[in-house]
């Protein structure tokens, strides 16, 4: 049993909980995730590790209340318990000093891009952050990203905060400035996590500029052990499993068309679940 010790509502239907999980916190690294089971009748759901404290033995999980289980999780409060937490899982993001890294997060994906950005910064890189949401009310972790990044650009789809548009618009602007500059080079890496259409759009843009890009394919996981096959996708023409082979992959090698179909696999079943 894992006790919830803190809970914060970060935005509409976006919740952060802090949970006592000392063994997970001890091993946690940027880019990894856990699988939780709320109670003995609960389903398995993967959640990215948004933060952790090895000394306190705690982990932070951020989730959007969109389905049956995440809504149920959102009803828990400090003092309540989660039945099982398995982790940390997945290959950590490969982090080393390489120069300039652009870290892009969209929606709840900002929860994952934050620890990745922090890890690249701690490794001695210059980190440029681009985060986006549908509106100002849905933007999360802005302050933490500002603390981590050398520069931070924010976009909102509806223009209600900072720049109107998408993260790709901000990225395109950066590349345009670099194109016109005689002393600035393209980033050494772009790391992106968010909705699949957003990751695909970023991949198409960076491919045109020949900038190495990594995407995290955690949106397609279900059981997170490779047993169910739901996260099966094609990368460089080979079949891989997002949970055990990833979640990070070369964005320019991902078959995004297949990935989109995989995401819609359980839409009918999800629609039948009631609170």
C-alpha atoms as a PDB file:
ATOM      1  CA  UNK A   1       0.000   0.000   0.000  1.00  0.00           C
ATOM      2  CA  UNK A   2       1.223   3.468  -0.927  1.00  0.00           C
ATOM      3  CA  UNK A   3      -0.008   6.487   1.026  1.00  0.00           C
ATOM      4  CA  UNK A   4      -0.924   9.761  -0.674  1.00  0.00           C
ATOM      5  CA  UNK A   5       0.556  12.615   1.355  1.00  0.00           C
ATOM      6  CA  UNK A   6      -0.306  15.621  -0.804  1.00  0.00           C
ATOM      7  CA  UNK A   7      -2.696  16.585  -3.578  1.00  0.00           C
ATOM      8  CA  UNK A   8      -2.847  19.662  -5.797  1.00  0.00           C
ATOM      9  CA  UNK A   9      -5.235  20.655  -8.550  1.00  0.00           C
ATOM     10  CA  UNK A  10      -2.878  22.119 -11.165  1.00  0.00           C
ATOM     11  CA  UNK A  11      -5.548  22.968 -13.741  1.00  0.00           C
ATOM     12  CA  UNK A  12      -9.031  21.891 -14.767  1.00  0.00           C
ATOM     13  CA  UNK A  13      -9.109  18.088 -14.393  1.00  0.00           C
ATOM     14  CA  UNK A  14      -5.297  17.961 -14.070  1.00  0.00           C
ATOM     15  CA  UNK A  15      -4.174  16.698 -10.677  1.00  0.00           C
ATOM     16  CA  UNK A  16      -0.832  16.128  -8.966  1.00  0.00           C
ATOM     17  CA  UNK A  17      -0.441  13.693  -6.104  1.00  0.00           C
ATOM     18  CA  UNK A  18       2.610  13.065  -3.959  1.00  0.00           C
ATOM     19  CA  UNK A  19       2.894   9.458  -2.859  1.00  0.00           C
ATOM     20  CA  UNK A  20       5.170   7.653  -0.419  1.00  0.00           C
ATOM     21  CA  UNK A  21       7.128   5.168  -2.545  1.00  0.00           C
ATOM     22  CA  UNK A  22      10.733   5.098  -1.280  1.00  0.00           C
ATOM     23  CA  UNK A  23      11.968   2.229  -3.457  1.00  0.00           C
ATOM     24  CA  UNK A  24      10.596   3.861  -6.604  1.00  0.00           C
ATOM     25  CA  UNK A  25      12.027   7.261  -5.663  1.00  0.00           C
ATOM     26  CA  UNK A  26      15.434   5.730  -5.013  1.00  0.00           C
ATOM     27  CA  UNK A  27      15.743   4.379  -8.574  1.00  0.00           C
ATOM     28  CA  UNK A  28      13.746   6.972 -10.537  1.00  0.00           C
ATOM     29  CA  UNK A  29      15.290   8.680 -13.567  1.00  0.00           C
ATOM     30  CA  UNK A  30      14.040  11.181 -16.115  1.00  0.00           C
ATOM     31  CA  UNK A  31      11.767   9.692 -18.764  1.00  0.00           C
ATOM     32  CA  UNK A  32      10.611   6.731 -16.693  1.00  0.00           C
ATOM     33  CA  UNK A  33       7.106   5.834 -15.519  1.00  0.00           C
ATOM     34  CA  UNK A  34       5.214   3.674 -13.043  1.00  0.00           C
ATOM     35  CA  UNK A  35       2.164   1.440 -13.257  1.00  0.00           C
ATOM     36  CA  UNK A  36      -0.471   1.892 -10.594  1.00  0.00           C
ATOM     37  CA  UNK A  37      -3.453  -0.185  -9.494  1.00  0.00           C
ATOM     38  CA  UNK A  38      -5.761   1.841  -7.284  1.00  0.00           C
ATOM     39  CA  UNK A  39      -7.452  -1.058  -5.520  1.00  0.00           C
ATOM     40  CA  UNK A  40      -7.880  -4.826  -5.760  1.00  0.00           C
ATOM     41  CA  UNK A  41     -10.452  -4.439  -8.548  1.00  0.00           C
ATOM     42  CA  UNK A  42      -8.610  -1.712 -10.396  1.00  0.00           C
ATOM     43  CA  UNK A  43      -7.038  -1.783 -13.834  1.00  0.00           C
ATOM     44  CA  UNK A  44      -3.362  -1.154 -14.525  1.00  0.00           C
ATOM     45  CA  UNK A  45      -2.535   2.340 -15.777  1.00  0.00           C
ATOM     46  CA  UNK A  46       0.898   3.797 -16.552  1.00  0.00           C
ATOM     47  CA  UNK A  47       1.768   7.280 -15.290  1.00  0.00           C
ATOM     48  CA  UNK A  48       4.940   9.226 -15.966  1.00  0.00           C
ATOM     49  CA  UNK A  49       7.150  10.165 -13.040  1.00  0.00           C
ATOM     50  CA  UNK A  50       6.803  13.944 -12.906  1.00  0.00           C
ATOM     51  CA  UNK A  51       9.207  14.329  -9.964  1.00  0.00           C
ATOM     52  CA  UNK A  52      10.684  12.466  -7.014  1.00  0.00           C
ATOM     53  CA  UNK A  53      12.563  13.049  -3.772  1.00  0.00           C
ATOM     54  CA  UNK A  54      15.023  10.323  -2.877  1.00  0.00           C
ATOM     55  CA  UNK A  55      15.561  11.676   0.654  1.00  0.00           C
ATOM     56  CA  UNK A  56      11.868  11.891   1.505  1.00  0.00           C
ATOM     57  CA  UNK A  57      11.044   8.710  -0.419  1.00  0.00           C
ATOM     58  CA  UNK A  58       8.235  10.328  -2.394  1.00  0.00           C
ATOM     59  CA  UNK A  59       7.174  10.522  -6.037  1.00  0.00           C
ATOM     60  CA  UNK A  60       4.932  13.008  -7.846  1.00  0.00           C
ATOM     61  CA  UNK A  61       2.372  11.806 -10.356  1.00  0.00           C
ATOM     62  CA  UNK A  62       0.442  14.182 -12.618  1.00  0.00           C
ATOM     63  CA  UNK A  63      -2.591  12.954 -14.521  1.00  0.00           C
ATOM     64  CA  UNK A  64      -5.601  14.241 -16.398  1.00  0.00           C
ATOM     65  CA  UNK A  65      -8.975  12.981 -15.248  1.00  0.00           C
ATOM     66  CA  UNK A  66     -10.373  11.769 -18.556  1.00  0.00           C
ATOM     67  CA  UNK A  67     -11.246   8.088 -18.076  1.00  0.00           C
ATOM     68  CA  UNK A  68     -12.781   5.785 -15.504  1.00  0.00           C
ATOM     69  CA  UNK A  69      -9.592   5.045 -13.560  1.00  0.00           C
ATOM     70  CA  UNK A  70      -8.034   8.521 -13.652  1.00  0.00           C
ATOM     71  CA  UNK A  71     -11.316   9.999 -12.397  1.00  0.00           C
ATOM     72  CA  UNK A  72     -11.342   7.445  -9.603  1.00  0.00           C
ATOM     73  CA  UNK A  73      -7.733   8.306  -8.772  1.00  0.00           C
ATOM     74  CA  UNK A  74      -8.673  11.987  -8.729  1.00  0.00           C
ATOM     75  CA  UNK A  75     -11.210  11.334  -5.975  1.00  0.00           C
ATOM     76  CA  UNK A  76      -8.519  10.086  -3.590  1.00  0.00           C
ATOM     77  CA  UNK A  77      -7.137  12.498  -0.992  1.00  0.00           C
ATOM     78  CA  UNK A  78      -4.126  12.787   1.331  1.00  0.00           C
ATOM     79  CA  UNK A  79      -4.266   9.882   3.772  1.00  0.00           C
ATOM     80  CA  UNK A  80      -5.799   7.526   1.197  1.00  0.00           C
ATOM     81  CA  UNK A  81      -3.832   4.626  -0.240  1.00  0.00           C
ATOM     82  CA  UNK A  82      -3.022   3.232  -3.672  1.00  0.00           C
ATOM     83  CA  UNK A  83      -2.954  -0.574  -3.703  1.00  0.00           C
ATOM     84  CA  UNK A  84       0.034  -1.127  -6.004  1.00  0.00           C
ATOM     85  CA  UNK A  85       2.765   0.951  -7.641  1.00  0.00           C
ATOM     86  CA  UNK A  86       5.234  -0.815  -9.925  1.00  0.00           C
ATOM     87  CA  UNK A  87       8.358   0.990 -11.067  1.00  0.00           C
ATOM     88  CA  UNK A  88      10.320   2.711 -12.048  1.00  0.00           C
ATOM     89  CA  UNK A  89       9.787   1.307 -15.563  1.00  0.00           C
ATOM     90  CA  UNK A  90      11.013   2.050 -19.055  1.00  0.00           C
ATOM     91  CA  UNK A  91      14.446   3.037 -20.273  1.00  0.00           C
ATOM     92  CA  UNK A  92      15.537   6.379 -18.841  1.00  0.00           C
ATOM     93  CA  UNK A  93      16.054   9.220 -21.284  1.00  0.00           C
ATOM     94  CA  UNK A  94      19.643   9.204 -22.544  1.00  0.00           C
ATOM     95  CA  UNK A  95      21.092  12.312 -20.938  1.00  0.00           C
ATOM     96  CA  UNK A  96      24.590  13.676 -21.473  1.00  0.00           C
ATOM     97  CA  UNK A  97      26.300  16.954 -22.267  1.00  0.00           C
ATOM     98  CA  UNK A  98      25.752  17.574 -25.976  1.00  0.00           C
ATOM     99  CA  UNK A  99      25.279  21.339 -26.279  1.00  0.00           C
ATOM    100  CA  UNK A 100      21.821  22.836 -26.853  1.00  0.00           C
ATOM    101  CA  UNK A 101      18.633  20.852 -26.242  1.00  0.00           C
ATOM    102  CA  UNK A 102      15.110  22.017 -27.023  1.00  0.00           C
ATOM    103  CA  UNK A 103      12.548  20.319 -24.762  1.00  0.00           C
ATOM    104  CA  UNK A 104       8.952  20.486 -25.946  1.00  0.00           C
ATOM    105  CA  UNK A 105       5.904  19.528 -23.911  1.00  0.00           C
ATOM    106  CA  UNK A 106       2.235  19.733 -24.779  1.00  0.00           C
ATOM    107  CA  UNK A 107      -0.681  19.454 -22.372  1.00  0.00           C
ATOM    108  CA  UNK A 108      -0.066  16.904 -19.627  1.00  0.00           C
ATOM    109  CA  UNK A 109       3.145  16.008 -21.490  1.00  0.00           C
ATOM    110  CA  UNK A 110       4.699  18.994 -19.694  1.00  0.00           C
ATOM    111  CA  UNK A 111       4.725  16.766 -16.608  1.00  0.00           C
ATOM    112  CA  UNK A 112       7.256  14.505 -18.306  1.00  0.00           C
ATOM    113  CA  UNK A 113       9.266  17.116 -20.145  1.00  0.00           C
ATOM    114  CA  UNK A 114      10.019  18.901 -16.861  1.00  0.00           C
ATOM    115  CA  UNK A 115      12.269  16.192 -15.317  1.00  0.00           C
ATOM    116  CA  UNK A 116      13.863  15.582 -18.721  1.00  0.00           C
ATOM    117  CA  UNK A 117      14.636  19.300 -19.083  1.00  0.00           C
ATOM    118  CA  UNK A 118      16.077  19.354 -15.575  1.00  0.00           C
ATOM    119  CA  UNK A 119      18.276  16.339 -16.282  1.00  0.00           C
ATOM    120  CA  UNK A 120      19.701  17.879 -19.457  1.00  0.00           C
ATOM    121  CA  UNK A 121      20.364  21.136 -17.605  1.00  0.00           C
ATOM    122  CA  UNK A 122      22.108  19.340 -14.745  1.00  0.00           C
ATOM    123  CA  UNK A 123      24.283  17.575 -17.334  1.00  0.00           C
ATOM    124  CA  UNK A 124      25.619  20.963 -18.451  1.00  0.00           C
ATOM    125  CA  UNK A 125      23.496  21.652 -21.528  1.00  0.00           C
ATOM    126  CA  UNK A 126      21.797  24.841 -22.634  1.00  0.00           C
ATOM    127  CA  UNK A 127      18.098  24.040 -22.433  1.00  0.00           C
ATOM    128  CA  UNK A 128      15.378  25.830 -24.365  1.00  0.00           C
ATOM    129  CA  UNK A 129      11.841  24.946 -23.334  1.00  0.00           C
ATOM    130  CA  UNK A 130       8.678  25.167 -25.413  1.00  0.00           C
ATOM    131  CA  UNK A 131       5.433  24.270 -23.661  1.00  0.00           C
ATOM    132  CA  UNK A 132       1.891  24.557 -24.917  1.00  0.00           C
ATOM    133  CA  UNK A 133      -1.707  23.988 -23.913  1.00  0.00           C
ATOM    134  CA  UNK A 134      -5.154  24.581 -25.334  1.00  0.00           C
ATOM    135  CA  UNK A 135      -5.648  27.617 -23.056  1.00  0.00           C
ATOM    136  CA  UNK A 136      -4.056  29.479 -20.153  1.00  0.00           C
ATOM    137  CA  UNK A 137      -6.244  27.600 -17.659  1.00  0.00           C
ATOM    138  CA  UNK A 138      -4.764  24.267 -18.767  1.00  0.00           C
ATOM    139  CA  UNK A 139      -1.096  25.280 -18.627  1.00  0.00           C
ATOM    140  CA  UNK A 140       0.907  23.482 -15.923  1.00  0.00           C
ATOM    141  CA  UNK A 141       4.386  23.689 -14.352  1.00  0.00           C
ATOM    142  CA  UNK A 142       5.305  27.032 -15.917  1.00  0.00           C
ATOM    143  CA  UNK A 143       7.314  28.134 -12.860  1.00  0.00           C
ATOM    144  CA  UNK A 144       9.240  24.870 -12.667  1.00  0.00           C
ATOM    145  CA  UNK A 145      10.075  25.014 -16.367  1.00  0.00           C
ATOM    146  CA  UNK A 146      11.299  28.607 -15.987  1.00  0.00           C
ATOM    147  CA  UNK A 147      13.603  27.497 -13.182  1.00  0.00           C
ATOM    148  CA  UNK A 148      15.029  24.726 -15.358  1.00  0.00           C
ATOM    149  CA  UNK A 149      15.324  26.300 -18.814  1.00  0.00           C
ATOM    150  CA  UNK A 150      17.685  28.981 -20.061  1.00  0.00           C
ATOM    151  CA  UNK A 151      14.810  30.220 -22.222  1.00  0.00           C
ATOM    152  CA  UNK A 152      11.140  29.292 -22.144  1.00  0.00           C
ATOM    153  CA  UNK A 153       8.518  29.854 -24.841  1.00  0.00           C
ATOM    154  CA  UNK A 154       4.802  29.319 -24.176  1.00  0.00           C
ATOM    155  CA  UNK A 155       1.987  28.830 -26.662  1.00  0.00           C
ATOM    156  CA  UNK A 156      -1.763  28.493 -26.212  1.00  0.00           C
ATOM    157  CA  UNK A 157      -4.039  27.242 -28.956  1.00  0.00           C
ATOM    158  CA  UNK A 158      -6.641  29.942 -28.296  1.00  0.00           C
ATOM    159  CA  UNK A 159      -4.175  32.778 -27.695  1.00  0.00           C
ATOM    160  CA  UNK A 160      -5.377  33.302 -24.109  1.00  0.00           C
ATOM    161  CA  UNK A 161      -1.798  33.447 -22.787  1.00  0.00           C
ATOM    162  CA  UNK A 162       1.584  34.326 -24.236  1.00  0.00           C
ATOM    163  CA  UNK A 163       1.785  33.413 -27.918  1.00  0.00           C
ATOM    164  CA  UNK A 164      -1.264  32.114 -29.755  1.00  0.00           C
ATOM    165  CA  UNK A 165      -0.746  28.990 -31.833  1.00  0.00           C
ATOM    166  CA  UNK A 166       1.044  25.691 -31.438  1.00  0.00           C
ATOM    167  CA  UNK A 167       4.443  24.608 -30.132  1.00  0.00           C
ATOM    168  CA  UNK A 168       5.515  23.991 -33.729  1.00  0.00           C
ATOM    169  CA  UNK A 169       4.958  27.688 -34.470  1.00  0.00           C
ATOM    170  CA  UNK A 170       7.408  28.652 -31.727  1.00  0.00           C
ATOM    171  CA  UNK A 171       9.871  25.998 -32.900  1.00  0.00           C
ATOM    172  CA  UNK A 172       9.621  27.202 -36.504  1.00  0.00           C
ATOM    173  CA  UNK A 173      10.345  30.758 -35.352  1.00  0.00           C
ATOM    174  CA  UNK A 174      13.483  29.590 -33.543  1.00  0.00           C
ATOM    175  CA  UNK A 175      14.698  27.758 -36.636  1.00  0.00           C
ATOM    176  CA  UNK A 176      13.986  30.808 -38.791  1.00  0.00           C
ATOM    177  CA  UNK A 177      16.089  32.994 -36.504  1.00  0.00           C
ATOM    178  CA  UNK A 178      18.916  30.456 -36.669  1.00  0.00           C
ATOM    179  CA  UNK A 179      18.671  30.358 -40.472  1.00  0.00           C
ATOM    180  CA  UNK A 180      19.259  34.096 -40.626  1.00  0.00           C
ATOM    181  CA  UNK A 181      22.046  34.104 -38.057  1.00  0.00           C
ATOM    182  CA  UNK A 182      25.738  33.804 -38.856  1.00  0.00           C
ATOM    183  CA  UNK A 183      26.802  32.721 -35.371  1.00  0.00           C
ATOM    184  CA  UNK A 184      23.981  30.506 -34.051  1.00  0.00           C
ATOM    185  CA  UNK A 185      23.721  26.820 -34.911  1.00  0.00           C
ATOM    186  CA  UNK A 186      20.764  24.468 -34.846  1.00  0.00           C
ATOM    187  CA  UNK A 187      20.104  22.608 -31.587  1.00  0.00           C
ATOM    188  CA  UNK A 188      21.902  19.344 -30.987  1.00  0.00           C
ATOM    189  CA  UNK A 189      18.675  17.631 -29.953  1.00  0.00           C
ATOM    190  CA  UNK A 190      14.931  18.184 -29.763  1.00  0.00           C
ATOM    191  CA  UNK A 191      13.019  16.159 -27.158  1.00  0.00           C
ATOM    192  CA  UNK A 192       9.223  16.121 -27.445  1.00  0.00           C
ATOM    193  CA  UNK A 193       6.358  14.655 -25.452  1.00  0.00           C
ATOM    194  CA  UNK A 194       2.646  15.330 -25.783  1.00  0.00           C
ATOM    195  CA  UNK A 195      -0.357  14.388 -27.920  1.00  0.00           C
ATOM    196  CA  UNK A 196       0.600  12.170 -30.849  1.00  0.00           C
ATOM    197  CA  UNK A 197      -0.449  14.717 -33.532  1.00  0.00           C
ATOM    198  CA  UNK A 198       1.799  17.280 -31.852  1.00  0.00           C
ATOM    199  CA  UNK A 199       4.764  14.913 -31.753  1.00  0.00           C
ATOM    200  CA  UNK A 200       4.224  14.044 -35.410  1.00  0.00           C
ATOM    201  CA  UNK A 201       4.136  17.728 -36.376  1.00  0.00           C
ATOM    202  CA  UNK A 202       7.358  18.392 -34.461  1.00  0.00           C
ATOM    203  CA  UNK A 203       9.010  15.377 -36.101  1.00  0.00           C
ATOM    204  CA  UNK A 204       8.054  16.572 -39.589  1.00  0.00           C
ATOM    205  CA  UNK A 205       9.457  20.036 -38.880  1.00  0.00           C
ATOM    206  CA  UNK A 206      12.748  18.893 -37.374  1.00  0.00           C
ATOM    207  CA  UNK A 207      13.256  16.319 -40.118  1.00  0.00           C
ATOM    208  CA  UNK A 208      13.192  19.122 -42.686  1.00  0.00           C
ATOM    209  CA  UNK A 209      15.984  20.829 -40.760  1.00  0.00           C
ATOM    210  CA  UNK A 210      17.879  17.584 -40.102  1.00  0.00           C
ATOM    211  CA  UNK A 211      17.766  18.062 -36.329  1.00  0.00           C
ATOM    212  CA  UNK A 212      17.904  14.869 -34.248  1.00  0.00           C
ATOM    213  CA  UNK A 213      14.603  14.417 -32.417  1.00  0.00           C
ATOM    214  CA  UNK A 214      13.388  12.062 -29.698  1.00  0.00           C
ATOM    215  CA  UNK A 215       9.730  11.458 -28.843  1.00  0.00           C
ATOM    216  CA  UNK A 216       8.264   9.607 -25.887  1.00  0.00           C
ATOM    217  CA  UNK A 217       5.553   7.116 -26.849  1.00  0.00           C
ATOM    218  CA  UNK A 218       3.995   6.685 -23.418  1.00  0.00           C
ATOM    219  CA  UNK A 219       0.497   7.782 -24.589  1.00  0.00           C
ATOM    220  CA  UNK A 220      -0.114   4.334 -26.110  1.00  0.00           C
ATOM    221  CA  UNK A 221       0.669   2.153 -23.086  1.00  0.00           C
ATOM    222  CA  UNK A 222      -1.820  -0.051 -21.267  1.00  0.00           C
ATOM    223  CA  UNK A 223      -0.296  -2.831 -19.141  1.00  0.00           C
ATOM    224  CA  UNK A 224       3.309  -1.545 -19.545  1.00  0.00           C
ATOM    225  CA  UNK A 225       4.963  -4.971 -19.540  1.00  0.00           C
ATOM    226  CA  UNK A 226       4.805  -5.845 -23.244  1.00  0.00           C
ATOM    227  CA  UNK A 227       2.225  -8.581 -22.612  1.00  0.00           C
ATOM    228  CA  UNK A 228      -0.882  -6.897 -24.033  1.00  0.00           C
ATOM    229  CA  UNK A 229       0.712  -5.604 -27.225  1.00  0.00           C
ATOM    230  CA  UNK A 230      -1.308  -2.394 -27.166  1.00  0.00           C
ATOM    231  CA  UNK A 231       1.813  -0.232 -27.398  1.00  0.00           C
ATOM    232  CA  UNK A 232       3.131  -2.130 -30.396  1.00  0.00           C
ATOM    233  CA  UNK A 233       4.331   0.232 -33.098  1.00  0.00           C
ATOM    234  CA  UNK A 234       6.825   0.433 -35.942  1.00  0.00           C
ATOM    235  CA  UNK A 235      10.106   2.299 -35.636  1.00  0.00           C
ATOM    236  CA  UNK A 236      12.599   2.176 -38.516  1.00  0.00           C
ATOM    237  CA  UNK A 237      10.477  -0.575 -40.056  1.00  0.00           C
ATOM    238  CA  UNK A 238      10.763  -2.826 -37.009  1.00  0.00           C
ATOM    239  CA  UNK A 239       8.085  -3.736 -34.476  1.00  0.00           C
ATOM    240  CA  UNK A 240       8.800  -2.391 -31.006  1.00  0.00           C
ATOM    241  CA  UNK A 241       6.870  -2.099 -27.742  1.00  0.00           C
ATOM    242  CA  UNK A 242       6.646   1.369 -26.252  1.00  0.00           C
ATOM    243  CA  UNK A 243       6.722   0.161 -22.674  1.00  0.00           C
ATOM    244  CA  UNK A 244       9.707  -2.201 -22.705  1.00  0.00           C
ATOM    245  CA  UNK A 245      11.720  -0.928 -25.678  1.00  0.00           C
ATOM    246  CA  UNK A 246      11.060   2.750 -24.956  1.00  0.00           C
ATOM    247  CA  UNK A 247       9.350   4.984 -24.191  1.00  0.00           C
ATOM    248  CA  UNK A 248      11.895   7.167 -26.079  1.00  0.00           C
ATOM    249  CA  UNK A 249      12.373   6.653 -29.818  1.00  0.00           C
ATOM    250  CA  UNK A 250      13.873   8.428 -32.814  1.00  0.00           C
ATOM    251  CA  UNK A 251      11.001  10.634 -33.982  1.00  0.00           C
ATOM    252  CA  UNK A 252      12.054  10.469 -37.623  1.00  0.00           C
ATOM    253  CA  UNK A 253      11.748   6.679 -37.619  1.00  0.00           C
ATOM    254  CA  UNK A 254       8.297   6.373 -35.989  1.00  0.00           C
ATOM    255  CA  UNK A 255       5.314   5.275 -38.107  1.00  0.00           C
ATOM    256  CA  UNK A 256       2.874   7.889 -36.808  1.00  0.00           C
ATOM    257  CA  UNK A 257      -0.003   6.742 -39.045  1.00  0.00           C
ATOM    258  CA  UNK A 258       0.076   3.323 -37.422  1.00  0.00           C
ATOM    259  CA  UNK A 259       0.451   4.948 -34.020  1.00  0.00           C
ATOM    260  CA  UNK A 260      -2.729   6.984 -34.484  1.00  0.00           C
ATOM    261  CA  UNK A 261      -4.695   3.832 -35.295  1.00  0.00           C
ATOM    262  CA  UNK A 262      -3.319   2.126 -32.211  1.00  0.00           C
ATOM    263  CA  UNK A 263      -4.474   5.008 -30.015  1.00  0.00           C
ATOM    264  CA  UNK A 264      -8.078   4.520 -31.137  1.00  0.00           C
ATOM    265  CA  UNK A 265      -8.065   0.802 -30.371  1.00  0.00           C
ATOM    266  CA  UNK A 266     -10.086   1.006 -27.145  1.00  0.00           C
ATOM    267  CA  UNK A 267     -12.300   4.030 -27.863  1.00  0.00           C
ATOM    268  CA  UNK A 268     -15.532   1.996 -27.877  1.00  0.00           C
ATOM    269  CA  UNK A 269     -14.739   0.233 -24.615  1.00  0.00           C
ATOM    270  CA  UNK A 270     -13.691   3.465 -22.917  1.00  0.00           C
ATOM    271  CA  UNK A 271     -16.939   5.107 -23.919  1.00  0.00           C
ATOM    272  CA  UNK A 272     -18.969   2.372 -22.199  1.00  0.00           C
ATOM    273  CA  UNK A 273     -17.275   2.858 -18.798  1.00  0.00           C
ATOM    274  CA  UNK A 274     -19.286   4.874 -16.286  1.00  0.00           C
ATOM    275  CA  UNK A 275     -18.225   6.467 -13.013  1.00  0.00           C
END
